[in-house]
N, C-alpha and C. Protein backbone atom coordinates (compact mmCIF):
# COMPACT_ATOMS: atom_id res chain seq x y z
N MET A 1 19.28 18.06 -0.98
CA MET A 1 18.86 16.86 -1.67
C MET A 1 19.81 15.72 -1.27
N TYR A 2 19.23 14.56 -1.01
CA TYR A 2 20.01 13.39 -0.62
C TYR A 2 20.36 12.53 -1.82
N HIS A 3 21.53 11.91 -1.77
CA HIS A 3 21.89 10.90 -2.73
C HIS A 3 21.07 9.66 -2.40
N PRO A 4 20.56 8.92 -3.39
CA PRO A 4 19.72 7.75 -3.09
C PRO A 4 20.35 6.76 -2.10
N ASP A 5 21.66 6.55 -2.20
CA ASP A 5 22.32 5.64 -1.26
C ASP A 5 22.24 6.17 0.17
N SER A 6 22.27 7.48 0.33
CA SER A 6 22.19 8.08 1.66
C SER A 6 20.84 7.77 2.31
N VAL A 7 19.78 7.86 1.52
CA VAL A 7 18.44 7.57 2.05
C VAL A 7 18.36 6.11 2.50
N VAL A 8 18.89 5.21 1.69
CA VAL A 8 18.88 3.78 2.04
C VAL A 8 19.69 3.55 3.31
N ASN A 9 20.82 4.18 3.42
CA ASN A 9 21.66 4.01 4.62
C ASN A 9 20.98 4.56 5.87
N ILE A 10 20.32 5.70 5.75
CA ILE A 10 19.57 6.27 6.87
C ILE A 10 18.46 5.31 7.27
N HIS A 11 17.78 4.77 6.28
CA HIS A 11 16.70 3.81 6.51
C HIS A 11 17.21 2.59 7.30
N LYS A 12 18.35 2.06 6.89
CA LYS A 12 18.94 0.90 7.59
C LYS A 12 19.26 1.24 9.03
N LYS A 13 19.81 2.42 9.25
CA LYS A 13 20.15 2.84 10.62
C LYS A 13 18.91 2.98 11.48
N LEU A 14 17.85 3.54 10.91
CA LEU A 14 16.60 3.70 11.65
C LEU A 14 16.00 2.35 12.02
N LEU A 15 16.02 1.41 11.08
CA LEU A 15 15.50 0.07 11.37
C LEU A 15 16.29 -0.60 12.49
N LYS A 16 17.60 -0.50 12.41
CA LYS A 16 18.46 -1.10 13.42
C LYS A 16 18.21 -0.47 14.79
N ALA A 17 18.12 0.84 14.83
CA ALA A 17 17.89 1.55 16.09
C ALA A 17 16.54 1.19 16.71
N ALA A 18 15.55 0.91 15.85
CA ALA A 18 14.22 0.57 16.33
C ALA A 18 14.07 -0.92 16.62
N GLY A 19 15.11 -1.70 16.28
CA GLY A 19 15.05 -3.14 16.51
C GLY A 19 14.13 -3.86 15.54
N ILE A 20 13.98 -3.30 14.34
CA ILE A 20 13.10 -3.89 13.32
C ILE A 20 13.97 -4.66 12.32
N GLU A 21 13.49 -5.85 11.95
CA GLU A 21 14.25 -6.66 10.99
C GLU A 21 14.34 -5.96 9.64
N HIS A 22 15.23 -6.47 8.79
CA HIS A 22 15.48 -5.85 7.48
C HIS A 22 14.19 -5.70 6.68
N LEU A 23 14.01 -4.55 6.11
CA LEU A 23 12.89 -4.22 5.25
C LEU A 23 13.44 -3.31 4.17
N ARG A 24 13.26 -3.71 2.91
CA ARG A 24 13.77 -2.88 1.83
C ARG A 24 13.06 -1.53 1.82
N PHE A 25 13.79 -0.49 1.55
CA PHE A 25 13.20 0.86 1.49
C PHE A 25 12.05 0.88 0.48
N HIS A 26 12.23 0.20 -0.64
CA HIS A 26 11.21 0.18 -1.69
C HIS A 26 9.91 -0.47 -1.20
N ASP A 27 9.99 -1.39 -0.24
CA ASP A 27 8.80 -2.04 0.30
C ASP A 27 7.84 -1.04 0.93
N LEU A 28 8.35 0.11 1.32
CA LEU A 28 7.49 1.13 1.91
C LEU A 28 6.46 1.64 0.90
N ARG A 29 6.79 1.59 -0.40
CA ARG A 29 5.82 1.98 -1.43
C ARG A 29 4.63 1.03 -1.43
N HIS A 30 4.91 -0.27 -1.33
CA HIS A 30 3.85 -1.27 -1.30
C HIS A 30 2.95 -1.06 -0.08
N THR A 31 3.60 -0.85 1.06
CA THR A 31 2.86 -0.63 2.30
C THR A 31 2.01 0.63 2.20
N PHE A 32 2.59 1.70 1.70
CA PHE A 32 1.85 2.95 1.54
C PHE A 32 0.63 2.75 0.65
N ALA A 33 0.81 2.15 -0.51
CA ALA A 33 -0.29 1.99 -1.46
C ALA A 33 -1.41 1.16 -0.85
N THR A 34 -1.07 0.04 -0.25
CA THR A 34 -2.09 -0.83 0.34
C THR A 34 -2.81 -0.14 1.48
N THR A 35 -2.07 0.51 2.37
CA THR A 35 -2.67 1.18 3.52
C THR A 35 -3.55 2.34 3.07
N ALA A 36 -3.11 3.10 2.09
CA ALA A 36 -3.91 4.22 1.60
C ALA A 36 -5.23 3.72 1.03
N LEU A 37 -5.19 2.67 0.21
CA LEU A 37 -6.42 2.14 -0.37
C LEU A 37 -7.34 1.56 0.70
N GLN A 38 -6.77 0.88 1.68
CA GLN A 38 -7.57 0.33 2.78
C GLN A 38 -8.31 1.42 3.55
N ASN A 39 -7.72 2.59 3.57
CA ASN A 39 -8.30 3.69 4.35
C ASN A 39 -9.09 4.68 3.50
N GLY A 40 -9.47 4.25 2.31
CA GLY A 40 -10.39 5.03 1.51
C GLY A 40 -9.80 6.03 0.53
N VAL A 41 -8.49 6.07 0.39
CA VAL A 41 -7.90 6.97 -0.61
C VAL A 41 -8.15 6.33 -1.98
N ASP A 42 -8.69 7.10 -2.92
CA ASP A 42 -9.01 6.52 -4.22
C ASP A 42 -7.73 6.16 -4.99
N VAL A 43 -7.86 5.16 -5.85
CA VAL A 43 -6.70 4.60 -6.55
C VAL A 43 -6.02 5.63 -7.45
N LYS A 44 -6.78 6.54 -8.05
CA LYS A 44 -6.17 7.55 -8.94
C LYS A 44 -5.25 8.46 -8.14
N THR A 45 -5.68 8.84 -6.93
CA THR A 45 -4.84 9.69 -6.08
C THR A 45 -3.58 8.95 -5.66
N VAL A 46 -3.73 7.70 -5.25
CA VAL A 46 -2.56 6.90 -4.85
C VAL A 46 -1.61 6.76 -6.03
N SER A 47 -2.16 6.46 -7.20
CA SER A 47 -1.35 6.31 -8.40
C SER A 47 -0.55 7.57 -8.70
N THR A 48 -1.20 8.71 -8.59
CA THR A 48 -0.53 9.99 -8.84
C THR A 48 0.57 10.23 -7.81
N MET A 49 0.29 9.92 -6.56
CA MET A 49 1.29 10.13 -5.50
C MET A 49 2.52 9.26 -5.72
N LEU A 50 2.32 8.07 -6.31
CA LEU A 50 3.45 7.18 -6.59
C LEU A 50 4.14 7.52 -7.91
N GLY A 51 3.57 8.48 -8.65
CA GLY A 51 4.18 8.90 -9.90
C GLY A 51 3.85 8.01 -11.08
N HIS A 52 2.72 7.30 -11.02
CA HIS A 52 2.33 6.41 -12.10
C HIS A 52 1.35 7.11 -13.04
N TYR A 53 1.43 6.76 -14.29
CA TYR A 53 0.53 7.30 -15.30
C TYR A 53 -0.80 6.55 -15.28
N ASP A 54 -0.73 5.25 -15.03
CA ASP A 54 -1.90 4.38 -15.13
C ASP A 54 -2.27 3.82 -13.75
N ALA A 55 -3.49 4.09 -13.30
CA ALA A 55 -3.94 3.59 -12.00
C ALA A 55 -4.00 2.07 -11.98
N GLY A 56 -4.26 1.46 -13.12
CA GLY A 56 -4.27 -0.01 -13.21
C GLY A 56 -2.91 -0.59 -12.87
N PHE A 57 -1.86 0.07 -13.31
CA PHE A 57 -0.50 -0.38 -12.98
C PHE A 57 -0.30 -0.36 -11.46
N THR A 58 -0.79 0.68 -10.83
CA THR A 58 -0.67 0.80 -9.38
C THR A 58 -1.37 -0.36 -8.70
N LEU A 59 -2.58 -0.65 -9.13
CA LEU A 59 -3.34 -1.75 -8.53
C LEU A 59 -2.66 -3.11 -8.75
N ARG A 60 -2.14 -3.32 -9.95
CA ARG A 60 -1.50 -4.61 -10.25
C ARG A 60 -0.17 -4.78 -9.55
N THR A 61 0.55 -3.70 -9.35
CA THR A 61 1.93 -3.80 -8.90
C THR A 61 2.15 -3.49 -7.42
N TYR A 62 1.50 -2.49 -6.90
CA TYR A 62 1.85 -1.98 -5.58
C TYR A 62 0.83 -2.22 -4.49
N THR A 63 -0.25 -2.90 -4.81
CA THR A 63 -1.22 -3.18 -3.75
C THR A 63 -1.39 -4.68 -3.61
N HIS A 64 -1.77 -5.07 -2.43
CA HIS A 64 -1.93 -6.48 -2.11
C HIS A 64 -3.23 -6.66 -1.37
N ALA A 65 -3.99 -7.67 -1.74
CA ALA A 65 -5.26 -7.93 -1.07
C ALA A 65 -4.95 -8.48 0.33
N THR A 66 -5.33 -7.74 1.32
CA THR A 66 -5.12 -8.18 2.69
C THR A 66 -6.37 -8.90 3.17
N ARG A 67 -6.24 -9.62 4.25
CA ARG A 67 -7.38 -10.33 4.83
C ARG A 67 -8.49 -9.33 5.18
N GLN A 68 -8.11 -8.18 5.69
CA GLN A 68 -9.09 -7.15 6.05
C GLN A 68 -9.88 -6.71 4.81
N MET A 69 -9.19 -6.52 3.70
CA MET A 69 -9.85 -6.10 2.47
C MET A 69 -10.79 -7.20 1.97
N GLN A 70 -10.36 -8.47 2.06
CA GLN A 70 -11.18 -9.59 1.63
C GLN A 70 -12.43 -9.71 2.50
N ASP A 71 -12.28 -9.54 3.81
CA ASP A 71 -13.43 -9.60 4.72
C ASP A 71 -14.42 -8.49 4.41
N LYS A 72 -13.92 -7.30 4.15
CA LYS A 72 -14.78 -6.16 3.83
C LYS A 72 -15.54 -6.40 2.53
N ALA A 73 -14.87 -6.95 1.53
CA ALA A 73 -15.52 -7.25 0.26
C ALA A 73 -16.61 -8.30 0.44
N ALA A 74 -16.33 -9.33 1.23
CA ALA A 74 -17.33 -10.38 1.50
C ALA A 74 -18.53 -9.79 2.23
N GLU A 75 -18.29 -8.91 3.19
CA GLU A 75 -19.37 -8.27 3.93
C GLU A 75 -20.22 -7.40 3.01
N THR A 76 -19.57 -6.63 2.16
CA THR A 76 -20.27 -5.76 1.22
C THR A 76 -21.16 -6.57 0.29
N MET A 77 -20.63 -7.64 -0.27
CA MET A 77 -21.40 -8.47 -1.18
C MET A 77 -22.51 -9.22 -0.45
N GLY A 78 -22.24 -9.65 0.78
CA GLY A 78 -23.28 -10.30 1.58
C GLY A 78 -24.44 -9.36 1.84
N ASN A 79 -24.14 -8.11 2.19
CA ASN A 79 -25.19 -7.11 2.40
C ASN A 79 -25.99 -6.86 1.14
N PHE A 80 -25.30 -6.81 0.01
CA PHE A 80 -25.98 -6.61 -1.27
C PHE A 80 -26.92 -7.77 -1.56
N MET A 81 -26.44 -9.00 -1.35
CA MET A 81 -27.26 -10.17 -1.64
C MET A 81 -28.49 -10.23 -0.73
N GLU A 82 -28.37 -9.81 0.51
CA GLU A 82 -29.51 -9.77 1.42
C GLU A 82 -30.58 -8.81 0.91
N GLN A 83 -30.14 -7.72 0.32
CA GLN A 83 -31.09 -6.71 -0.18
C GLN A 83 -31.86 -7.19 -1.42
N VAL A 84 -31.18 -7.94 -2.28
CA VAL A 84 -31.83 -8.36 -3.53
C VAL A 84 -32.60 -9.67 -3.39
N MET A 85 -32.41 -10.39 -2.32
CA MET A 85 -33.11 -11.68 -2.15
C MET A 85 -34.28 -11.58 -1.25
């Protein structure tokens, strides 16, 4: 088992070795949640994987509407409107 500071230090070393600018270790949770939802993983599963009791909390806190998600939503609603009109 690693001490939390050890994980953060390993993370910093990996970023430096890869030539990637500073990124907080915790930011990986946000990235994971958003990417998982974009790729069809249901919110309850993502919420459970992050250790949250409430899926709404996961949606409010750890996911971000990306341009890709907005485009997909617009396309979905456009298709729906074409069917009903």
